[in-house]
Amino acid sequence: MAKKGKRYREAQEAIREAGEETGGLFSMDEAAELIKKTAKAKFDESVDIDMKLGVDPRHADQMVRGSVALPHGTGKSVRVLALVDEGREQEALDAGADMAGLDEYVNKIQNEGFVDFDVMIATPSVMPKIGRLGRVLGPRGLMPNPKSGTVTNDVAEAVQAVKAGRIDFRVDKFGNIHTSIGKSSFSPEQISENASAFLKEILRLRPASAKGVYVRSVTLSTTMGPPVHIDRNVAVGAAR
């Protein structure tokens, strides 16, 4: 196992000391403060949230996926490709899409493996053409889906929402969800509010068939830093 660097070890020790009286668990606000204090990299690190859910995604009725508009955005520049009906390209571009079209991009994705974008938005009428791209887009989480708001006739609104900080998420086969909810340059309040908005949406999407404890663990971390463990009961109670 690779040895952790000095900054990582110092951050780990600071988190350990801060959690001596709480068993190493923190409220969302406390975790956001610690994230700010321990983010020592020379670049603006992403702030990530990781959750373990009590679901079995092998069952379709326990799949947790969706999207949420973070109140303070993600701090990232998101590249949006809009695949739309002929004549609607300019509408998408005016709304902020980085690329818009249809056949040209379908062919580039299918024949050249083109995936130089972060989010694809599509109108329902073009989905038959996009369906065959699932082999390329699916493993990368780039396939548009109505549940995440990326298949819609209101292209302009969808593009603007993504650019403003809406993120898509999906539980993996082990019941975990991992996504970025901000940057280390954000204030503690912004980090906490973004994380709480994300958790609130996860709670709203709880499958009716999920039994027992739904949110099993929550952690915040930065790109180069150790995890800060959230008190699950406190966080869930505050997000309801």
C-alpha atoms as a PDB file:
ATOM      1  CA  MET A   1       0.000   0.000   0.000  1.00  0.00           C
ATOM      2  CA  ALA A   2       1.358   3.407  -0.940  1.00  0.00           C
ATOM      3  CA  LYS A   3       2.481   5.579   1.961  1.00  0.00           C
ATOM      4  CA  LYS A   4       0.311   8.628   2.594  1.00  0.00           C
ATOM      5  CA  GLY A   5       1.956  12.030   2.195  1.00  0.00           C
ATOM      6  CA  LYS A   6       2.719  14.465   5.006  1.00  0.00           C
ATOM      7  CA  ARG A   7      -0.248  16.736   4.244  1.00  0.00           C
ATOM      8  CA  TYR A   8      -2.648  13.792   4.213  1.00  0.00           C
ATOM      9  CA  ARG A   9      -1.342  12.505   7.546  1.00  0.00           C
ATOM     10  CA  GLU A  10      -1.581  15.957   9.114  1.00  0.00           C
ATOM     11  CA  ALA A  11      -5.178  16.314   7.898  1.00  0.00           C
ATOM     12  CA  GLN A  12      -5.994  12.848   9.194  1.00  0.00           C
ATOM     13  CA  GLU A  13      -4.597  13.725  12.616  1.00  0.00           C
ATOM     14  CA  ALA A  14      -6.532  17.017  12.732  1.00  0.00           C
ATOM     15  CA  ILE A  15      -9.767  15.163  11.973  1.00  0.00           C
ATOM     16  CA  ARG A  16      -8.975  12.519  14.586  1.00  0.00           C
ATOM     17  CA  GLU A  17      -8.330  15.152  17.265  1.00  0.00           C
ATOM     18  CA  ALA A  18     -11.491  17.068  16.377  1.00  0.00           C
ATOM     19  CA  GLY A  19     -13.549  13.906  16.739  1.00  0.00           C
ATOM     20  CA  GLU A  20     -12.165  12.672  20.054  1.00  0.00           C
ATOM     21  CA  GLU A  21     -15.289  13.692  21.972  1.00  0.00           C
ATOM     22  CA  THR A  22     -17.783  12.649  19.310  1.00  0.00           C
ATOM     23  CA  GLY A  23     -16.487   9.217  18.400  1.00  0.00           C
ATOM     24  CA  GLY A  24     -15.137  10.508  15.102  1.00  0.00           C
ATOM     25  CA  LEU A  25     -18.572  11.582  13.844  1.00  0.00           C
ATOM     26  CA  PHE A  26     -19.564  15.122  12.905  1.00  0.00           C
ATOM     27  CA  SER A  27     -22.576  17.164  11.920  1.00  0.00           C
ATOM     28  CA  MET A  28     -22.673  18.400   8.329  1.00  0.00           C
ATOM     29  CA  ASP A  29     -21.672  21.912   9.433  1.00  0.00           C
ATOM     30  CA  GLU A  30     -18.755  20.596  11.502  1.00  0.00           C
ATOM     31  CA  ALA A  31     -17.596  18.389   8.628  1.00  0.00           C
ATOM     32  CA  ALA A  32     -17.680  21.337   6.223  1.00  0.00           C
ATOM     33  CA  GLU A  33     -15.499  23.353   8.623  1.00  0.00           C
ATOM     34  CA  LEU A  34     -12.999  20.503   8.845  1.00  0.00           C
ATOM     35  CA  ILE A  35     -12.915  20.111   5.065  1.00  0.00           C
ATOM     36  CA  LYS A  36     -11.934  23.769   4.764  1.00  0.00           C
ATOM     37  CA  LYS A  37      -9.256  23.507   7.429  1.00  0.00           C
ATOM     38  CA  THR A  38      -7.646  20.347   6.061  1.00  0.00           C
ATOM     39  CA  ALA A  39      -7.702  21.163   2.320  1.00  0.00           C
ATOM     40  CA  LYS A  40      -4.029  21.988   1.804  1.00  0.00           C
ATOM     41  CA  ALA A  41      -3.421  21.084  -1.863  1.00  0.00           C
ATOM     42  CA  LYS A  42      -2.032  23.732  -4.203  1.00  0.00           C
ATOM     43  CA  PHE A  43      -5.125  23.555  -6.404  1.00  0.00           C
ATOM     44  CA  ASP A  44      -8.847  24.008  -5.812  1.00  0.00           C
ATOM     45  CA  GLU A  45      -9.823  20.494  -4.754  1.00  0.00           C
ATOM     46  CA  SER A  46     -13.241  19.018  -5.381  1.00  0.00           C
ATOM     47  CA  VAL A  47     -15.382  18.295  -2.343  1.00  0.00           C
ATOM     48  CA  ASP A  48     -16.989  14.861  -2.651  1.00  0.00           C
ATOM     49  CA  ILE A  49     -19.820  13.200  -0.807  1.00  0.00           C
ATOM     50  CA  ASP A  50     -19.951   9.410  -0.465  1.00  0.00           C
ATOM     51  CA  MET A  51     -22.974   7.525   0.782  1.00  0.00           C
ATOM     52  CA  LYS A  52     -23.685   3.881   1.483  1.00  0.00           C
ATOM     53  CA  LEU A  53     -27.363   3.061   1.014  1.00  0.00           C
ATOM     54  CA  GLY A  54     -29.341   0.096   2.273  1.00  0.00           C
ATOM     55  CA  VAL A  55     -30.607  -0.893  -1.180  1.00  0.00           C
ATOM     56  CA  ASP A  56     -29.971  -3.738  -3.587  1.00  0.00           C
ATOM     57  CA  PRO A  57     -29.637  -2.141  -7.049  1.00  0.00           C
ATOM     58  CA  ARG A  58     -29.908  -5.559  -8.678  1.00  0.00           C
ATOM     59  CA  HIS A  59     -33.651  -5.093  -8.171  1.00  0.00           C
ATOM     60  CA  ALA A  60     -35.122  -2.446 -10.468  1.00  0.00           C
ATOM     61  CA  ASP A  61     -37.427  -1.157  -7.741  1.00  0.00           C
ATOM     62  CA  GLN A  62     -34.420  -0.367  -5.518  1.00  0.00           C
ATOM     63  CA  MET A  63     -32.441   1.628  -8.072  1.00  0.00           C
ATOM     64  CA  VAL A  64     -31.739   5.126  -6.754  1.00  0.00           C
ATOM     65  CA  ARG A  65     -30.965   7.677  -9.452  1.00  0.00           C
ATOM     66  CA  GLY A  66     -31.910  11.249 -10.197  1.00  0.00           C
ATOM     67  CA  SER A  67     -30.643  14.795 -10.282  1.00  0.00           C
ATOM     68  CA  VAL A  68     -30.503  17.734  -7.908  1.00  0.00           C
ATOM     69  CA  ALA A  69     -29.803  21.436  -8.315  1.00  0.00           C
ATOM     70  CA  LEU A  70     -27.130  22.351  -5.787  1.00  0.00           C
ATOM     71  CA  PRO A  71     -27.845  25.785  -4.252  1.00  0.00           C
ATOM     72  CA  HIS A  72     -24.270  26.952  -4.824  1.00  0.00           C
ATOM     73  CA  GLY A  73     -23.416  24.969  -7.947  1.00  0.00           C
ATOM     74  CA  THR A  74     -20.440  22.642  -8.252  1.00  0.00           C
ATOM     75  CA  GLY A  75     -17.714  25.166  -8.988  1.00  0.00           C
ATOM     76  CA  LYS A  76     -16.915  23.231 -12.155  1.00  0.00           C
ATOM     77  CA  SER A  77     -17.236  24.180 -15.802  1.00  0.00           C
ATOM     78  CA  VAL A  78     -19.600  21.597 -17.319  1.00  0.00           C
ATOM     79  CA  ARG A  79     -19.394  20.758 -21.034  1.00  0.00           C
ATOM     80  CA  VAL A  80     -22.874  20.129 -22.410  1.00  0.00           C
ATOM     81  CA  LEU A  81     -23.690  18.349 -25.679  1.00  0.00           C
ATOM     82  CA  ALA A  82     -27.285  18.792 -26.860  1.00  0.00           C
ATOM     83  CA  LEU A  83     -28.599  16.288 -29.393  1.00  0.00           C
ATOM     84  CA  VAL A  84     -31.720  17.898 -30.777  1.00  0.00           C
ATOM     85  CA  ASP A  85     -34.116  17.972 -33.705  1.00  0.00           C
ATOM     86  CA  GLU A  86     -33.046  19.852 -36.806  1.00  0.00           C
ATOM     87  CA  GLY A  87     -33.593  23.567 -36.353  1.00  0.00           C
ATOM     88  CA  ARG A  88     -33.212  23.586 -32.556  1.00  0.00           C
ATOM     89  CA  GLU A  89     -29.412  23.740 -32.448  1.00  0.00           C
ATOM     90  CA  GLN A  90     -29.306  27.504 -31.947  1.00  0.00           C
ATOM     91  CA  GLU A  91     -31.834  27.301 -29.124  1.00  0.00           C
ATOM     92  CA  ALA A  92     -29.502  24.933 -27.263  1.00  0.00           C
ATOM     93  CA  LEU A  93     -26.412  27.033 -27.986  1.00  0.00           C
ATOM     94  CA  ASP A  94     -28.130  30.230 -26.872  1.00  0.00           C
ATOM     95  CA  ALA A  95     -29.018  28.518 -23.586  1.00  0.00           C
ATOM     96  CA  GLY A  96     -25.339  27.720 -22.973  1.00  0.00           C
ATOM     97  CA  ALA A  97     -24.731  24.324 -24.587  1.00  0.00           C
ATOM     98  CA  ASP A  98     -21.137  23.890 -25.735  1.00  0.00           C
ATOM     99  CA  MET A  99     -22.142  21.718 -28.702  1.00  0.00           C
ATOM    100  CA  ALA A 100     -25.445  21.041 -30.444  1.00  0.00           C
ATOM    101  CA  GLY A 101     -26.523  18.953 -33.398  1.00  0.00           C
ATOM    102  CA  LEU A 102     -27.462  15.359 -34.095  1.00  0.00           C
ATOM    103  CA  ASP A 103     -26.129  13.130 -36.874  1.00  0.00           C
ATOM    104  CA  GLU A 104     -22.617  14.600 -36.801  1.00  0.00           C
ATOM    105  CA  TYR A 105     -22.209  13.865 -33.086  1.00  0.00           C
ATOM    106  CA  VAL A 106     -23.983  10.501 -33.198  1.00  0.00           C
ATOM    107  CA  ASN A 107     -21.497   9.390 -35.863  1.00  0.00           C
ATOM    108  CA  LYS A 108     -18.512  10.776 -33.933  1.00  0.00           C
ATOM    109  CA  ILE A 109     -19.561   8.942 -30.781  1.00  0.00           C
ATOM    110  CA  GLN A 110     -20.313   5.688 -32.596  1.00  0.00           C
ATOM    111  CA  ASN A 111     -17.335   5.628 -34.968  1.00  0.00           C
ATOM    112  CA  GLU A 112     -14.666   7.583 -33.083  1.00  0.00           C
ATOM    113  CA  GLY A 113     -15.621   7.046 -29.448  1.00  0.00           C
ATOM    114  CA  PHE A 114     -16.093  10.788 -28.974  1.00  0.00           C
ATOM    115  CA  VAL A 115     -16.969  11.561 -25.329  1.00  0.00           C
ATOM    116  CA  ASP A 116     -15.461  15.020 -24.868  1.00  0.00           C
ATOM    117  CA  PHE A 117     -18.398  16.315 -22.825  1.00  0.00           C
ATOM    118  CA  ASP A 118     -19.753  15.980 -19.288  1.00  0.00           C
ATOM    119  CA  VAL A 119     -23.519  15.916 -19.865  1.00  0.00           C
ATOM    120  CA  MET A 120     -25.650  14.972 -22.857  1.00  0.00           C
ATOM    121  CA  ILE A 121     -29.123  16.440 -23.206  1.00  0.00           C
ATOM    122  CA  ALA A 122     -31.509  15.058 -25.826  1.00  0.00           C
ATOM    123  CA  THR A 123     -35.039  15.596 -27.040  1.00  0.00           C
ATOM    124  CA  PRO A 124     -37.357  12.537 -26.867  1.00  0.00           C
ATOM    125  CA  SER A 125     -37.731  12.391 -30.647  1.00  0.00           C
ATOM    126  CA  VAL A 126     -34.002  11.743 -31.229  1.00  0.00           C
ATOM    127  CA  MET A 127     -33.639   8.982 -28.624  1.00  0.00           C
ATOM    128  CA  PRO A 128     -34.073   6.164 -31.207  1.00  0.00           C
ATOM    129  CA  LYS A 129     -30.843   7.367 -32.847  1.00  0.00           C
ATOM    130  CA  ILE A 130     -29.063   7.669 -29.521  1.00  0.00           C
ATOM    131  CA  GLY A 131     -30.099   4.246 -28.263  1.00  0.00           C
ATOM    132  CA  ARG A 132     -27.398   2.497 -30.260  1.00  0.00           C
ATOM    133  CA  LEU A 133     -24.755   4.580 -28.480  1.00  0.00           C
ATOM    134  CA  GLY A 134     -25.413   2.885 -25.158  1.00  0.00           C
ATOM    135  CA  ARG A 135     -22.299   0.735 -25.411  1.00  0.00           C
ATOM    136  CA  VAL A 136     -20.128   3.859 -25.476  1.00  0.00           C
ATOM    137  CA  LEU A 137     -22.158   6.190 -23.268  1.00  0.00           C
ATOM    138  CA  GLY A 138     -23.566   3.752 -20.700  1.00  0.00           C
ATOM    139  CA  PRO A 139     -20.333   2.741 -18.902  1.00  0.00           C
ATOM    140  CA  ARG A 140     -19.378   6.427 -18.623  1.00  0.00           C
ATOM    141  CA  GLY A 141     -22.712   7.497 -17.175  1.00  0.00           C
ATOM    142  CA  LEU A 142     -23.349   9.788 -20.143  1.00  0.00           C
ATOM    143  CA  MET A 143     -26.542   8.243 -21.490  1.00  0.00           C
ATOM    144  CA  PRO A 144     -29.430  10.743 -21.264  1.00  0.00           C
ATOM    145  CA  ASN A 145     -32.362   9.644 -19.150  1.00  0.00           C
ATOM    146  CA  PRO A 146     -35.797  11.162 -18.437  1.00  0.00           C
ATOM    147  CA  LYS A 147     -35.396  10.534 -14.694  1.00  0.00           C
ATOM    148  CA  SER A 148     -32.367  12.804 -14.557  1.00  0.00           C
ATOM    149  CA  GLY A 149     -33.996  15.483 -16.700  1.00  0.00           C
ATOM    150  CA  THR A 150     -31.607  14.983 -19.601  1.00  0.00           C
ATOM    151  CA  VAL A 151     -34.304  13.734 -21.983  1.00  0.00           C
ATOM    152  CA  THR A 152     -36.697  16.642 -22.412  1.00  0.00           C
ATOM    153  CA  ASN A 153     -38.402  18.874 -24.932  1.00  0.00           C
ATOM    154  CA  ASP A 154     -37.432  21.927 -22.875  1.00  0.00           C
ATOM    155  CA  VAL A 155     -33.830  21.925 -24.025  1.00  0.00           C
ATOM    156  CA  ALA A 156     -33.052  25.487 -22.934  1.00  0.00           C
ATOM    157  CA  GLU A 157     -34.220  24.929 -19.374  1.00  0.00           C
ATOM    158  CA  ALA A 158     -32.286  21.652 -19.107  1.00  0.00           C
ATOM    159  CA  VAL A 159     -29.070  23.217 -20.396  1.00  0.00           C
ATOM    160  CA  GLN A 160     -29.384  26.181 -18.051  1.00  0.00           C
ATOM    161  CA  ALA A 161     -30.049  23.902 -15.065  1.00  0.00           C
ATOM    162  CA  VAL A 162     -26.944  21.819 -15.764  1.00  0.00           C
ATOM    163  CA  LYS A 163     -24.801  24.904 -16.246  1.00  0.00           C
ATOM    164  CA  ALA A 164     -26.144  26.371 -12.999  1.00  0.00           C
ATOM    165  CA  GLY A 165     -25.103  23.364 -10.954  1.00  0.00           C
ATOM    166  CA  ARG A 166     -27.578  20.531 -11.379  1.00  0.00           C
ATOM    167  CA  ILE A 167     -25.853  17.175 -10.984  1.00  0.00           C
ATOM    168  CA  ASP A 168     -26.938  13.662 -11.928  1.00  0.00           C
ATOM    169  CA  PHE A 169     -26.290  10.676  -9.680  1.00  0.00           C
ATOM    170  CA  ARG A 170     -26.863   6.951  -9.637  1.00  0.00           C
ATOM    171  CA  VAL A 171     -26.247   4.254  -7.069  1.00  0.00           C
ATOM    172  CA  ASP A 172     -23.628   1.700  -8.102  1.00  0.00           C
ATOM    173  CA  LYS A 173     -24.034  -2.084  -7.924  1.00  0.00           C
ATOM    174  CA  PHE A 174     -22.760  -2.109  -4.331  1.00  0.00           C
ATOM    175  CA  GLY A 175     -25.284   0.455  -3.070  1.00  0.00           C
ATOM    176  CA  ASN A 176     -22.808   3.361  -3.024  1.00  0.00           C
ATOM    177  CA  ILE A 177     -23.241   6.881  -4.369  1.00  0.00           C
ATOM    178  CA  HIS A 178     -20.244   9.127  -5.000  1.00  0.00           C
ATOM    179  CA  THR A 179     -20.373  12.619  -6.473  1.00  0.00           C
ATOM    180  CA  SER A 180     -18.766  16.055  -6.219  1.00  0.00           C
ATOM    181  CA  ILE A 181     -20.819  18.741  -4.498  1.00  0.00           C
ATOM    182  CA  GLY A 182     -18.446  21.711  -4.556  1.00  0.00           C
ATOM    183  CA  LYS A 183     -14.899  22.983  -4.267  1.00  0.00           C
ATOM    184  CA  SER A 184     -12.555  23.505  -1.343  1.00  0.00           C
ATOM    185  CA  SER A 185     -12.637  27.249  -2.136  1.00  0.00           C
ATOM    186  CA  PHE A 186     -16.333  27.296  -1.162  1.00  0.00           C
ATOM    187  CA  SER A 187     -17.233  28.621   2.266  1.00  0.00           C
ATOM    188  CA  PRO A 188     -18.136  26.049   4.945  1.00  0.00           C
ATOM    189  CA  GLU A 189     -21.748  27.234   4.688  1.00  0.00           C
ATOM    190  CA  GLN A 190     -21.821  26.602   0.932  1.00  0.00           C
ATOM    191  CA  ILE A 191     -20.317  23.138   1.323  1.00  0.00           C
ATOM    192  CA  SER A 192     -22.765  22.220   4.080  1.00  0.00           C
ATOM    193  CA  GLU A 193     -25.804  23.558   2.201  1.00  0.00           C
ATOM    194  CA  ASN A 194     -24.854  21.729  -1.002  1.00  0.00           C
ATOM    195  CA  ALA A 195     -24.270  18.472   0.889  1.00  0.00           C
ATOM    196  CA  SER A 196     -27.551  18.825   2.776  1.00  0.00           C
ATOM    197  CA  ALA A 197     -29.479  19.512  -0.456  1.00  0.00           C
ATOM    198  CA  PHE A 198     -27.992  16.356  -1.963  1.00  0.00           C
ATOM    199  CA  LEU A 199     -28.833  14.260   1.099  1.00  0.00           C
ATOM    200  CA  LYS A 200     -32.387  15.622   1.150  1.00  0.00           C
ATOM    201  CA  GLU A 201     -32.911  14.471  -2.441  1.00  0.00           C
ATOM    202  CA  ILE A 202     -31.510  11.019  -1.645  1.00  0.00           C
ATOM    203  CA  LEU A 203     -33.995  10.730   1.213  1.00  0.00           C
ATOM    204  CA  ARG A 204     -36.855  11.804  -1.058  1.00  0.00           C
ATOM    205  CA  LEU A 205     -35.945   9.033  -3.510  1.00  0.00           C
ATOM    206  CA  ARG A 206     -36.005   6.238  -0.941  1.00  0.00           C
ATOM    207  CA  PRO A 207     -37.515   3.177  -2.665  1.00  0.00           C
ATOM    208  CA  ALA A 208     -40.667   1.850  -1.017  1.00  0.00           C
ATOM    209  CA  SER A 209     -39.150  -1.637  -1.133  1.00  0.00           C
ATOM    210  CA  ALA A 210     -35.987  -0.635   0.765  1.00  0.00           C
ATOM    211  CA  LYS A 211     -36.064  -2.196   4.242  1.00  0.00           C
ATOM    212  CA  GLY A 212     -34.106  -1.395   7.372  1.00  0.00           C
ATOM    213  CA  VAL A 213     -31.596   1.452   7.566  1.00  0.00           C
ATOM    214  CA  TYR A 214     -31.646   3.387   4.298  1.00  0.00           C
ATOM    215  CA  VAL A 215     -28.694   5.783   4.722  1.00  0.00           C
ATOM    216  CA  ARG A 216     -25.967   3.674   6.288  1.00  0.00           C
ATOM    217  CA  SER A 217     -23.026   6.061   6.089  1.00  0.00           C
ATOM    218  CA  VAL A 218     -22.118   9.534   4.829  1.00  0.00           C
ATOM    219  CA  THR A 219     -18.656  11.015   4.392  1.00  0.00           C
ATOM    220  CA  LEU A 220     -17.214  14.210   2.968  1.00  0.00           C
ATOM    221  CA  SER A 221     -13.707  14.405   1.524  1.00  0.00           C
ATOM    222  CA  THR A 222     -11.553  16.491  -0.767  1.00  0.00           C
ATOM    223  CA  THR A 223      -9.630  15.232  -3.781  1.00  0.00           C
ATOM    224  CA  MET A 224      -6.397  14.832  -1.826  1.00  0.00           C
ATOM    225  CA  GLY A 225      -7.729  14.593   1.721  1.00  0.00           C
ATOM    226  CA  PRO A 226      -8.985  11.942   4.143  1.00  0.00           C
ATOM    227  CA  PRO A 227     -12.699  11.332   4.710  1.00  0.00           C
ATOM    228  CA  VAL A 228     -14.699  13.149   7.366  1.00  0.00           C
ATOM    229  CA  HIS A 229     -17.415  10.864   8.727  1.00  0.00           C
ATOM    230  CA  ILE A 230     -20.853  12.375   9.215  1.00  0.00           C
ATOM    231  CA  ASP A 231     -23.143  11.446  12.100  1.00  0.00           C
ATOM    232  CA  ARG A 232     -25.777   9.727   9.993  1.00  0.00           C
ATOM    233  CA  ASN A 233     -28.627  10.244  12.448  1.00  0.00           C
ATOM    234  CA  VAL A 234     -27.948  13.957  12.894  1.00  0.00           C
ATOM    235  CA  ALA A 235     -27.543  14.582   9.156  1.00  0.00           C
ATOM    236  CA  VAL A 236     -30.646  12.634   8.160  1.00  0.00           C
ATOM    237  CA  GLY A 237     -32.712  14.338  10.845  1.00  0.00           C
ATOM    238  CA  ALA A 238     -31.576  17.808   9.718  1.00  0.00           C
ATOM    239  CA  ALA A 239     -32.229  17.048   6.038  1.00  0.00           C
ATOM    240  CA  ARG A 240     -35.839  15.962   6.548  1.00  0.00           C
END
